[in-house]
């Protein structure tokens, strides 16, 4: 039985748009899921979102997880960015701890490539009962004109 927790999470104010944004980049993971990035006027990534299907242990159903991230990122320059973070979603009975790592490099003026790793540990009444993962999933995004 799947918990009633939402599979999407908003981290570090990623949903707040800024008037001083640069370009938008869109693309896909190697599994065909969506990736979106937004840069500052100087070309550094300031926020984004990655969606992916997880691979879950035991009888827990795989699900589509969406991770949104924003400022402050661990590292973000014109040449690339990295973000490692964790957050918890919970209700009265279930909790899910999401831990992710995103690393990317600018390949050209128009393209950024990288990888995404996610581990979600689910607990029911404080007891661990399932782990879902996305391992080193490659992605590529191109600037929208």
C-alpha atoms as a PDB file:
ATOM      1  CA  UNK A   1       0.000   0.000   0.000  1.00  0.00           C
ATOM      2  CA  UNK A   2       1.401   3.369  -1.013  1.00  0.00           C
ATOM      3  CA  UNK A   3       1.391   6.252   1.472  1.00  0.00           C
ATOM      4  CA  UNK A   4      -0.754   9.286   0.822  1.00  0.00           C
ATOM      5  CA  UNK A   5       2.256  11.612   0.669  1.00  0.00           C
ATOM      6  CA  UNK A   6       2.606  13.746  -2.410  1.00  0.00           C
ATOM      7  CA  UNK A   7       5.448  12.686  -4.693  1.00  0.00           C
ATOM      8  CA  UNK A   8       6.461  16.261  -5.515  1.00  0.00           C
ATOM      9  CA  UNK A   9       8.318  18.620  -3.253  1.00  0.00           C
ATOM     10  CA  UNK A  10       9.193  22.275  -3.336  1.00  0.00           C
ATOM     11  CA  UNK A  11      12.638  23.014  -1.929  1.00  0.00           C
ATOM     12  CA  UNK A  12      14.309  26.335  -1.088  1.00  0.00           C
ATOM     13  CA  UNK A  13      11.736  28.595  -2.695  1.00  0.00           C
ATOM     14  CA  UNK A  14      12.198  27.131  -6.160  1.00  0.00           C
ATOM     15  CA  UNK A  15       8.715  28.170  -7.218  1.00  0.00           C
ATOM     16  CA  UNK A  16       9.314  31.893  -6.839  1.00  0.00           C
ATOM     17  CA  UNK A  17      10.012  33.520 -10.181  1.00  0.00           C
ATOM     18  CA  UNK A  18      12.414  36.408 -10.417  1.00  0.00           C
ATOM     19  CA  UNK A  19      12.315  39.373 -12.760  1.00  0.00           C
ATOM     20  CA  UNK A  20      16.101  39.032 -13.167  1.00  0.00           C
ATOM     21  CA  UNK A  21      16.054  35.585 -14.774  1.00  0.00           C
ATOM     22  CA  UNK A  22      18.126  34.672 -17.778  1.00  0.00           C
ATOM     23  CA  UNK A  23      17.314  31.777 -20.084  1.00  0.00           C
ATOM     24  CA  UNK A  24      15.076  28.727 -19.717  1.00  0.00           C
ATOM     25  CA  UNK A  25      16.392  25.287 -20.615  1.00  0.00           C
ATOM     26  CA  UNK A  26      14.199  22.235 -21.218  1.00  0.00           C
ATOM     27  CA  UNK A  27      14.985  18.634 -22.023  1.00  0.00           C
ATOM     28  CA  UNK A  28      14.700  15.064 -20.890  1.00  0.00           C
ATOM     29  CA  UNK A  29      16.385  12.408 -18.834  1.00  0.00           C
ATOM     30  CA  UNK A  30      17.712   9.328 -20.614  1.00  0.00           C
ATOM     31  CA  UNK A  31      14.476   7.617 -19.454  1.00  0.00           C
ATOM     32  CA  UNK A  32      12.362  10.265 -21.234  1.00  0.00           C
ATOM     33  CA  UNK A  33      11.221  12.272 -18.191  1.00  0.00           C
ATOM     34  CA  UNK A  34      11.176  16.086 -18.126  1.00  0.00           C
ATOM     35  CA  UNK A  35      13.955  18.417 -16.900  1.00  0.00           C
ATOM     36  CA  UNK A  36      13.668  22.207 -16.666  1.00  0.00           C
ATOM     37  CA  UNK A  37      16.365  24.698 -15.629  1.00  0.00           C
ATOM     38  CA  UNK A  38      16.398  28.500 -15.342  1.00  0.00           C
ATOM     39  CA  UNK A  39      19.588  30.575 -15.367  1.00  0.00           C
ATOM     40  CA  UNK A  40      20.503  33.998 -14.071  1.00  0.00           C
ATOM     41  CA  UNK A  41      21.318  36.741 -16.616  1.00  0.00           C
ATOM     42  CA  UNK A  42      24.982  35.699 -16.173  1.00  0.00           C
ATOM     43  CA  UNK A  43      24.229  32.089 -17.153  1.00  0.00           C
ATOM     44  CA  UNK A  44      24.394  30.331 -13.745  1.00  0.00           C
ATOM     45  CA  UNK A  45      21.532  27.937 -12.948  1.00  0.00           C
ATOM     46  CA  UNK A  46      19.272  29.418 -10.247  1.00  0.00           C
ATOM     47  CA  UNK A  47      16.405  26.920 -10.131  1.00  0.00           C
ATOM     48  CA  UNK A  48      14.973  23.864 -11.792  1.00  0.00           C
ATOM     49  CA  UNK A  49      12.902  20.697 -11.650  1.00  0.00           C
ATOM     50  CA  UNK A  50      13.569  17.063 -12.532  1.00  0.00           C
ATOM     51  CA  UNK A  51      10.926  14.352 -12.829  1.00  0.00           C
ATOM     52  CA  UNK A  52      11.741  10.645 -12.842  1.00  0.00           C
ATOM     53  CA  UNK A  53      10.240   7.208 -12.230  1.00  0.00           C
ATOM     54  CA  UNK A  54      11.728   5.573  -9.130  1.00  0.00           C
ATOM     55  CA  UNK A  55      12.683   1.913  -8.679  1.00  0.00           C
ATOM     56  CA  UNK A  56      11.217   0.749  -5.347  1.00  0.00           C
ATOM     57  CA  UNK A  57      11.997  -2.189  -3.072  1.00  0.00           C
ATOM     58  CA  UNK A  58       9.624  -4.937  -1.996  1.00  0.00           C
ATOM     59  CA  UNK A  59       5.965  -4.622  -2.903  1.00  0.00           C
ATOM     60  CA  UNK A  60       6.076  -0.815  -2.937  1.00  0.00           C
ATOM     61  CA  UNK A  61       4.996   0.517  -6.349  1.00  0.00           C
ATOM     62  CA  UNK A  62       7.410   2.594  -8.406  1.00  0.00           C
ATOM     63  CA  UNK A  63       6.219   6.194  -8.659  1.00  0.00           C
ATOM     64  CA  UNK A  64       6.952   9.428 -10.497  1.00  0.00           C
ATOM     65  CA  UNK A  65       8.983  11.724  -8.230  1.00  0.00           C
ATOM     66  CA  UNK A  66       9.500  15.412  -8.953  1.00  0.00           C
ATOM     67  CA  UNK A  67      12.272  17.344  -7.264  1.00  0.00           C
ATOM     68  CA  UNK A  68      12.240  21.139  -7.513  1.00  0.00           C
ATOM     69  CA  UNK A  69      15.271  23.102  -6.363  1.00  0.00           C
ATOM     70  CA  UNK A  70      16.346  26.707  -6.154  1.00  0.00           C
ATOM     71  CA  UNK A  71      18.547  29.230  -4.446  1.00  0.00           C
ATOM     72  CA  UNK A  72      20.792  28.810  -2.698  1.00  0.00           C
ATOM     73  CA  UNK A  73      22.429  26.015  -4.716  1.00  0.00           C
ATOM     74  CA  UNK A  74      25.570  24.332  -3.362  1.00  0.00           C
ATOM     75  CA  UNK A  75      27.519  25.521  -6.384  1.00  0.00           C
ATOM     76  CA  UNK A  76      26.383  27.339  -9.501  1.00  0.00           C
ATOM     77  CA  UNK A  77      28.527  29.092 -12.061  1.00  0.00           C
ATOM     78  CA  UNK A  78      28.243  29.720 -15.760  1.00  0.00           C
ATOM     79  CA  UNK A  79      30.122  26.435 -16.299  1.00  0.00           C
ATOM     80  CA  UNK A  80      27.773  24.193 -14.319  1.00  0.00           C
ATOM     81  CA  UNK A  81      26.117  23.490 -10.992  1.00  0.00           C
ATOM     82  CA  UNK A  82      25.680  20.937  -8.230  1.00  0.00           C
ATOM     83  CA  UNK A  83      23.062  20.514  -5.550  1.00  0.00           C
ATOM     84  CA  UNK A  84      22.927  17.904  -2.786  1.00  0.00           C
ATOM     85  CA  UNK A  85      20.033  18.158  -0.377  1.00  0.00           C
ATOM     86  CA  UNK A  86      17.483  16.239   1.659  1.00  0.00           C
ATOM     87  CA  UNK A  87      13.963  16.980   2.846  1.00  0.00           C
ATOM     88  CA  UNK A  88      11.101  15.118   4.515  1.00  0.00           C
ATOM     89  CA  UNK A  89       7.434  14.964   3.592  1.00  0.00           C
ATOM     90  CA  UNK A  90       5.135  13.538   6.241  1.00  0.00           C
ATOM     91  CA  UNK A  91       1.617  13.184   7.512  1.00  0.00           C
ATOM     92  CA  UNK A  92       0.163  11.601  10.680  1.00  0.00           C
ATOM     93  CA  UNK A  93       1.352   8.113   9.807  1.00  0.00           C
ATOM     94  CA  UNK A  94       3.775   8.116   6.872  1.00  0.00           C
ATOM     95  CA  UNK A  95       7.016   9.925   6.117  1.00  0.00           C
ATOM     96  CA  UNK A  96       9.300  10.018   3.119  1.00  0.00           C
ATOM     97  CA  UNK A  97      12.891  11.273   3.328  1.00  0.00           C
ATOM     98  CA  UNK A  98      14.109  12.457  -0.069  1.00  0.00           C
ATOM     99  CA  UNK A  99      17.870  12.768  -0.556  1.00  0.00           C
ATOM    100  CA  UNK A 100      19.166  13.855  -3.947  1.00  0.00           C
ATOM    101  CA  UNK A 101      22.290  14.866  -5.856  1.00  0.00           C
ATOM    102  CA  UNK A 102      22.269  16.794  -9.126  1.00  0.00           C
ATOM    103  CA  UNK A 103      25.472  17.614 -11.005  1.00  0.00           C
ATOM    104  CA  UNK A 104      25.634  19.311 -14.398  1.00  0.00           C
ATOM    105  CA  UNK A 105      28.043  21.014 -16.776  1.00  0.00           C
ATOM    106  CA  UNK A 106      27.501  23.434 -19.615  1.00  0.00           C
ATOM    107  CA  UNK A 107      28.520  21.747 -22.876  1.00  0.00           C
ATOM    108  CA  UNK A 108      27.839  24.678 -25.186  1.00  0.00           C
ATOM    109  CA  UNK A 109      26.122  28.056 -24.995  1.00  0.00           C
ATOM    110  CA  UNK A 110      22.838  26.232 -25.695  1.00  0.00           C
ATOM    111  CA  UNK A 111      23.246  22.867 -23.887  1.00  0.00           C
ATOM    112  CA  UNK A 112      23.687  21.638 -20.297  1.00  0.00           C
ATOM    113  CA  UNK A 113      24.109  17.951 -19.429  1.00  0.00           C
ATOM    114  CA  UNK A 114      24.251  16.203 -16.086  1.00  0.00           C
ATOM    115  CA  UNK A 115      23.111  13.408 -13.796  1.00  0.00           C
ATOM    116  CA  UNK A 116      20.468  12.968 -11.110  1.00  0.00           C
ATOM    117  CA  UNK A 117      20.468  10.549  -8.158  1.00  0.00           C
ATOM    118  CA  UNK A 118      17.579  10.221  -5.696  1.00  0.00           C
ATOM    119  CA  UNK A 119      16.920   7.992  -2.686  1.00  0.00           C
ATOM    120  CA  UNK A 120      13.537   8.073  -0.944  1.00  0.00           C
ATOM    121  CA  UNK A 121      13.176   6.209   2.345  1.00  0.00           C
ATOM    122  CA  UNK A 122       9.587   5.637   3.460  1.00  0.00           C
ATOM    123  CA  UNK A 123       8.565   5.019   7.059  1.00  0.00           C
ATOM    124  CA  UNK A 124       5.206   3.988   8.477  1.00  0.00           C
ATOM    125  CA  UNK A 125       4.683   4.781  12.158  1.00  0.00           C
ATOM    126  CA  UNK A 126       8.448   5.369  12.438  1.00  0.00           C
ATOM    127  CA  UNK A 127       9.465   1.999  10.932  1.00  0.00           C
ATOM    128  CA  UNK A 128      11.286   1.865   7.595  1.00  0.00           C
ATOM    129  CA  UNK A 129       9.299  -0.164   5.072  1.00  0.00           C
ATOM    130  CA  UNK A 130      10.449   0.814   1.575  1.00  0.00           C
ATOM    131  CA  UNK A 131      13.252   2.506  -0.317  1.00  0.00           C
ATOM    132  CA  UNK A 132      12.901   3.953  -3.804  1.00  0.00           C
ATOM    133  CA  UNK A 133      15.830   5.045  -5.957  1.00  0.00           C
ATOM    134  CA  UNK A 134      16.900   6.775  -9.117  1.00  0.00           C
ATOM    135  CA  UNK A 135      20.578   6.018  -9.802  1.00  0.00           C
ATOM    136  CA  UNK A 136      22.841   8.276 -11.902  1.00  0.00           C
ATOM    137  CA  UNK A 137      20.162   9.201 -14.415  1.00  0.00           C
ATOM    138  CA  UNK A 138      21.676  11.263 -17.243  1.00  0.00           C
ATOM    139  CA  UNK A 139      19.879  14.316 -18.618  1.00  0.00           C
ATOM    140  CA  UNK A 140      20.355  16.960 -21.282  1.00  0.00           C
ATOM    141  CA  UNK A 141      18.609  20.312 -21.655  1.00  0.00           C
ATOM    142  CA  UNK A 142      18.736  22.924 -24.405  1.00  0.00           C
ATOM    143  CA  UNK A 143      18.048  26.635 -24.235  1.00  0.00           C
ATOM    144  CA  UNK A 144      14.581  27.666 -25.375  1.00  0.00           C
ATOM    145  CA  UNK A 145      14.660  30.456 -27.874  1.00  0.00           C
END
